[in-house]
Amino acid sequence: MADSSKEELTPQQVQATYQQIEKECSVMINKIAELEQELNEHALVIKAFDKVNSTRRCFRMVGGVLVERTVAEVRPAVEGNLEKIQQAVNQLQEQLKKKTEQRTQFIQKYNLNQQKQAAPAPASEADATSKGGGSVLV
């Protein structure tokens, strides 16, 4: 039953569904980029910790409060956060892969890629015309 109702979507519903899938993909891509930036920042902090004594004071933001600790106390927490962020990035990449496959199947099912294929064709014809010395460009 569900398959027959999906086949009976109006063009507006098809477009709305496609736009929703595209939006979800964009949100995931943005979140992955944000988390990768966090990964880079954590890696920089760990790299900075390598250059200093483990008894040196450092400050860490905990729940909006800046607390004073030593490098030895903070380093395990930063490394743990780094691992958790990496796991989150991996999970989001898997979800994005599945969503992209869903989008591809949706495009094939409703023949949405015809518009994308039609656009490059005139450009290639224009290139062939200009190489052949034709004087009419459309």
C-alpha atoms as a PDB file:
ATOM      1  CA  MET A   1       0.000   0.000   0.000  1.00  0.00           C
ATOM      2  CA  ALA A   2       2.749   2.437   0.920  1.00  0.00           C
ATOM      3  CA  ASP A   3       4.480   1.950  -2.444  1.00  0.00           C
ATOM      4  CA  SER A   4       1.314   2.759  -4.394  1.00  0.00           C
ATOM      5  CA  SER A   5       0.739   5.944  -2.403  1.00  0.00           C
ATOM      6  CA  LYS A   6       4.328   7.053  -3.078  1.00  0.00           C
ATOM      7  CA  GLU A   7       3.824   6.502  -6.803  1.00  0.00           C
ATOM      8  CA  GLU A   8       0.770   8.743  -6.781  1.00  0.00           C
ATOM      9  CA  LEU A   9       2.572  11.859  -5.529  1.00  0.00           C
ATOM     10  CA  THR A  10       1.734  15.087  -7.280  1.00  0.00           C
ATOM     11  CA  PRO A  11       4.601  17.056  -8.853  1.00  0.00           C
ATOM     12  CA  GLN A  12       4.372  19.526  -5.958  1.00  0.00           C
ATOM     13  CA  GLN A  13       4.673  16.705  -3.414  1.00  0.00           C
ATOM     14  CA  VAL A  14       7.603  15.225  -5.309  1.00  0.00           C
ATOM     15  CA  GLN A  15       9.334  18.597  -5.332  1.00  0.00           C
ATOM     16  CA  ALA A  16       8.605  19.198  -1.641  1.00  0.00           C
ATOM     17  CA  THR A  17       9.905  15.751  -0.700  1.00  0.00           C
ATOM     18  CA  TYR A  18      13.047  16.246  -2.787  1.00  0.00           C
ATOM     19  CA  GLN A  19      13.663  19.650  -1.220  1.00  0.00           C
ATOM     20  CA  GLN A  20      13.222  18.118   2.256  1.00  0.00           C
ATOM     21  CA  ILE A  21      15.792  15.417   1.477  1.00  0.00           C
ATOM     22  CA  GLU A  22      18.180  18.067   0.102  1.00  0.00           C
ATOM     23  CA  LYS A  23      17.684  20.178   3.233  1.00  0.00           C
ATOM     24  CA  GLU A  24      18.438  17.204   5.495  1.00  0.00           C
ATOM     25  CA  CYS A  25      21.613  16.483   3.512  1.00  0.00           C
ATOM     26  CA  SER A  26      22.682  20.131   3.816  1.00  0.00           C
ATOM     27  CA  VAL A  27      22.064  20.137   7.566  1.00  0.00           C
ATOM     28  CA  MET A  28      24.174  16.988   7.967  1.00  0.00           C
ATOM     29  CA  ILE A  29      26.986  18.426   5.838  1.00  0.00           C
ATOM     30  CA  ASN A  30      27.003  21.617   7.915  1.00  0.00           C
ATOM     31  CA  LYS A  31      27.021  19.658  11.179  1.00  0.00           C
ATOM     32  CA  ILE A  32      29.894  17.477   9.962  1.00  0.00           C
ATOM     33  CA  ALA A  33      31.873  20.589   9.027  1.00  0.00           C
ATOM     34  CA  GLU A  34      31.179  22.110  12.447  1.00  0.00           C
ATOM     35  CA  LEU A  35      32.286  18.961  14.253  1.00  0.00           C
ATOM     36  CA  GLU A  36      35.412  18.680  12.105  1.00  0.00           C
ATOM     37  CA  GLN A  37      36.299  22.224  13.167  1.00  0.00           C
ATOM     38  CA  GLU A  38      35.879  21.105  16.773  1.00  0.00           C
ATOM     39  CA  LEU A  39      38.170  18.157  16.064  1.00  0.00           C
ATOM     40  CA  ASN A  40      40.816  20.519  14.718  1.00  0.00           C
ATOM     41  CA  GLU A  41      40.557  22.737  17.789  1.00  0.00           C
ATOM     42  CA  HIS A  42      40.872  19.772  20.152  1.00  0.00           C
ATOM     43  CA  ALA A  43      43.876  18.492  18.191  1.00  0.00           C
ATOM     44  CA  LEU A  44      45.525  21.930  18.494  1.00  0.00           C
ATOM     45  CA  VAL A  45      44.993  21.915  22.262  1.00  0.00           C
ATOM     46  CA  ILE A  46      46.479  18.436  22.587  1.00  0.00           C
ATOM     47  CA  LYS A  47      49.422  19.504  20.434  1.00  0.00           C
ATOM     48  CA  ALA A  48      49.940  22.518  22.708  1.00  0.00           C
ATOM     49  CA  PHE A  49      49.836  20.235  25.751  1.00  0.00           C
ATOM     50  CA  ASP A  50      52.759  18.251  24.299  1.00  0.00           C
ATOM     51  CA  LYS A  51      54.983  21.338  24.529  1.00  0.00           C
ATOM     52  CA  VAL A  52      54.299  22.206  28.185  1.00  0.00           C
ATOM     53  CA  ASN A  53      54.927  20.675  31.575  1.00  0.00           C
ATOM     54  CA  SER A  54      52.046  18.535  32.893  1.00  0.00           C
ATOM     55  CA  THR A  55      51.991  20.530  36.174  1.00  0.00           C
ATOM     56  CA  ARG A  56      51.403  23.820  34.369  1.00  0.00           C
ATOM     57  CA  ARG A  57      48.165  25.647  35.097  1.00  0.00           C
ATOM     58  CA  CYS A  58      45.509  25.810  32.426  1.00  0.00           C
ATOM     59  CA  PHE A  59      41.928  26.942  32.279  1.00  0.00           C
ATOM     60  CA  ARG A  60      38.955  24.990  31.034  1.00  0.00           C
ATOM     61  CA  MET A  61      35.394  26.043  30.383  1.00  0.00           C
ATOM     62  CA  VAL A  62      32.997  23.742  32.232  1.00  0.00           C
ATOM     63  CA  GLY A  63      29.321  24.520  31.830  1.00  0.00           C
ATOM     64  CA  GLY A  64      29.986  28.193  31.181  1.00  0.00           C
ATOM     65  CA  VAL A  65      32.352  28.514  34.155  1.00  0.00           C
ATOM     66  CA  LEU A  66      36.098  28.927  33.702  1.00  0.00           C
ATOM     67  CA  VAL A  67      37.937  26.588  36.071  1.00  0.00           C
ATOM     68  CA  GLU A  68      41.637  26.364  36.818  1.00  0.00           C
ATOM     69  CA  ARG A  69      43.260  22.956  36.485  1.00  0.00           C
ATOM     70  CA  THR A  70      46.608  21.478  35.540  1.00  0.00           C
ATOM     71  CA  VAL A  71      47.477  20.161  32.099  1.00  0.00           C
ATOM     72  CA  ALA A  72      47.627  16.638  33.546  1.00  0.00           C
ATOM     73  CA  GLU A  73      44.010  16.955  34.763  1.00  0.00           C
ATOM     74  CA  VAL A  74      42.622  18.487  31.591  1.00  0.00           C
ATOM     75  CA  ARG A  75      44.420  16.441  28.928  1.00  0.00           C
ATOM     76  CA  PRO A  76      42.448  13.165  29.453  1.00  0.00           C
ATOM     77  CA  ALA A  77      39.158  15.082  29.230  1.00  0.00           C
ATOM     78  CA  VAL A  78      40.207  16.806  25.997  1.00  0.00           C
ATOM     79  CA  GLU A  79      41.359  13.507  24.494  1.00  0.00           C
ATOM     80  CA  GLY A  80      38.065  11.884  25.527  1.00  0.00           C
ATOM     81  CA  ASN A  81      36.107  14.698  23.922  1.00  0.00           C
ATOM     82  CA  LEU A  82      38.195  14.315  20.774  1.00  0.00           C
ATOM     83  CA  GLU A  83      37.279  10.623  20.544  1.00  0.00           C
ATOM     84  CA  LYS A  84      33.567  11.306  21.143  1.00  0.00           C
ATOM     85  CA  ILE A  85      33.511  14.023  18.486  1.00  0.00           C
ATOM     86  CA  GLN A  86      35.232  11.681  16.030  1.00  0.00           C
ATOM     87  CA  GLN A  87      32.594   9.025  16.715  1.00  0.00           C
ATOM     88  CA  ALA A  88      29.834  11.588  16.155  1.00  0.00           C
ATOM     89  CA  VAL A  89      31.412  12.645  12.851  1.00  0.00           C
ATOM     90  CA  ASN A  90      31.609   9.003  11.735  1.00  0.00           C
ATOM     91  CA  GLN A  91      27.941   8.441  12.621  1.00  0.00           C
ATOM     92  CA  LEU A  92      26.871  11.574  10.762  1.00  0.00           C
ATOM     93  CA  GLN A  93      28.888  10.544   7.720  1.00  0.00           C
ATOM     94  CA  GLU A  94      27.113   7.174   7.706  1.00  0.00           C
ATOM     95  CA  GLN A  95      23.716   8.903   8.002  1.00  0.00           C
ATOM     96  CA  LEU A  96      24.677  11.280   5.199  1.00  0.00           C
ATOM     97  CA  LYS A  97      25.693   8.347   3.013  1.00  0.00           C
ATOM     98  CA  LYS A  98      22.292   6.697   3.586  1.00  0.00           C
ATOM     99  CA  LYS A  99      20.440   9.962   2.951  1.00  0.00           C
ATOM    100  CA  THR A 100      22.413  10.531  -0.249  1.00  0.00           C
ATOM    101  CA  GLU A 101      21.499   7.024  -1.431  1.00  0.00           C
ATOM    102  CA  GLN A 102      17.856   7.783  -0.600  1.00  0.00           C
ATOM    103  CA  ARG A 103      18.108  11.009  -2.621  1.00  0.00           C
ATOM    104  CA  THR A 104      19.620   9.147  -5.572  1.00  0.00           C
ATOM    105  CA  GLN A 105      16.857   6.546  -5.486  1.00  0.00           C
ATOM    106  CA  PHE A 106      14.242   9.306  -5.281  1.00  0.00           C
ATOM    107  CA  ILE A 107      15.785  11.085  -8.283  1.00  0.00           C
ATOM    108  CA  GLN A 108      15.784   7.874 -10.308  1.00  0.00           C
ATOM    109  CA  LYS A 109      12.254   6.934  -9.280  1.00  0.00           C
ATOM    110  CA  TYR A 110      10.753  10.258 -10.328  1.00  0.00           C
ATOM    111  CA  ASN A 111      13.163  11.007 -13.185  1.00  0.00           C
ATOM    112  CA  LEU A 112      14.296  14.248 -11.609  1.00  0.00           C
ATOM    113  CA  ASN A 113      17.716  14.074 -13.222  1.00  0.00           C
ATOM    114  CA  GLN A 114      16.318  14.943 -16.665  1.00  0.00           C
ATOM    115  CA  GLN A 115      16.643  18.627 -15.837  1.00  0.00           C
ATOM    116  CA  LYS A 116      20.302  18.224 -14.879  1.00  0.00           C
ATOM    117  CA  GLN A 117      21.085  16.239 -18.015  1.00  0.00           C
ATOM    118  CA  ALA A 118      19.278  18.716 -20.273  1.00  0.00           C
ATOM    119  CA  ALA A 119      21.267  21.704 -19.024  1.00  0.00           C
ATOM    120  CA  PRO A 120      24.768  20.529 -20.071  1.00  0.00           C
ATOM    121  CA  ALA A 121      23.606  19.434 -23.543  1.00  0.00           C
ATOM    122  CA  PRO A 122      23.122  22.951 -24.961  1.00  0.00           C
ATOM    123  CA  ALA A 123      26.525  23.979 -23.645  1.00  0.00           C
ATOM    124  CA  SER A 124      28.220  21.082 -25.436  1.00  0.00           C
ATOM    125  CA  GLU A 125      26.322  21.925 -28.628  1.00  0.00           C
ATOM    126  CA  ALA A 126      27.428  25.544 -28.328  1.00  0.00           C
ATOM    127  CA  ASP A 127      31.036  24.390 -27.987  1.00  0.00           C
ATOM    128  CA  ALA A 128      30.691  22.208 -31.085  1.00  0.00           C
ATOM    129  CA  THR A 129      29.137  25.096 -32.997  1.00  0.00           C
ATOM    130  CA  SER A 130      31.887  27.524 -32.016  1.00  0.00           C
ATOM    131  CA  LYS A 131      34.584  24.995 -33.007  1.00  0.00           C
ATOM    132  CA  GLY A 132      32.878  24.399 -36.359  1.00  0.00           C
ATOM    133  CA  GLY A 133      32.807  28.122 -37.116  1.00  0.00           C
ATOM    134  CA  GLY A 134      29.019  28.470 -36.905  1.00  0.00           C
ATOM    135  CA  SER A 135      27.762  31.999 -36.412  1.00  0.00           C
ATOM    136  CA  VAL A 136      24.475  31.297 -34.627  1.00  0.00           C
ATOM    137  CA  LEU A 137      24.520  30.802 -30.854  1.00  0.00           C
ATOM    138  CA  VAL A 138      21.363  30.072 -28.910  1.00  0.00           C
END
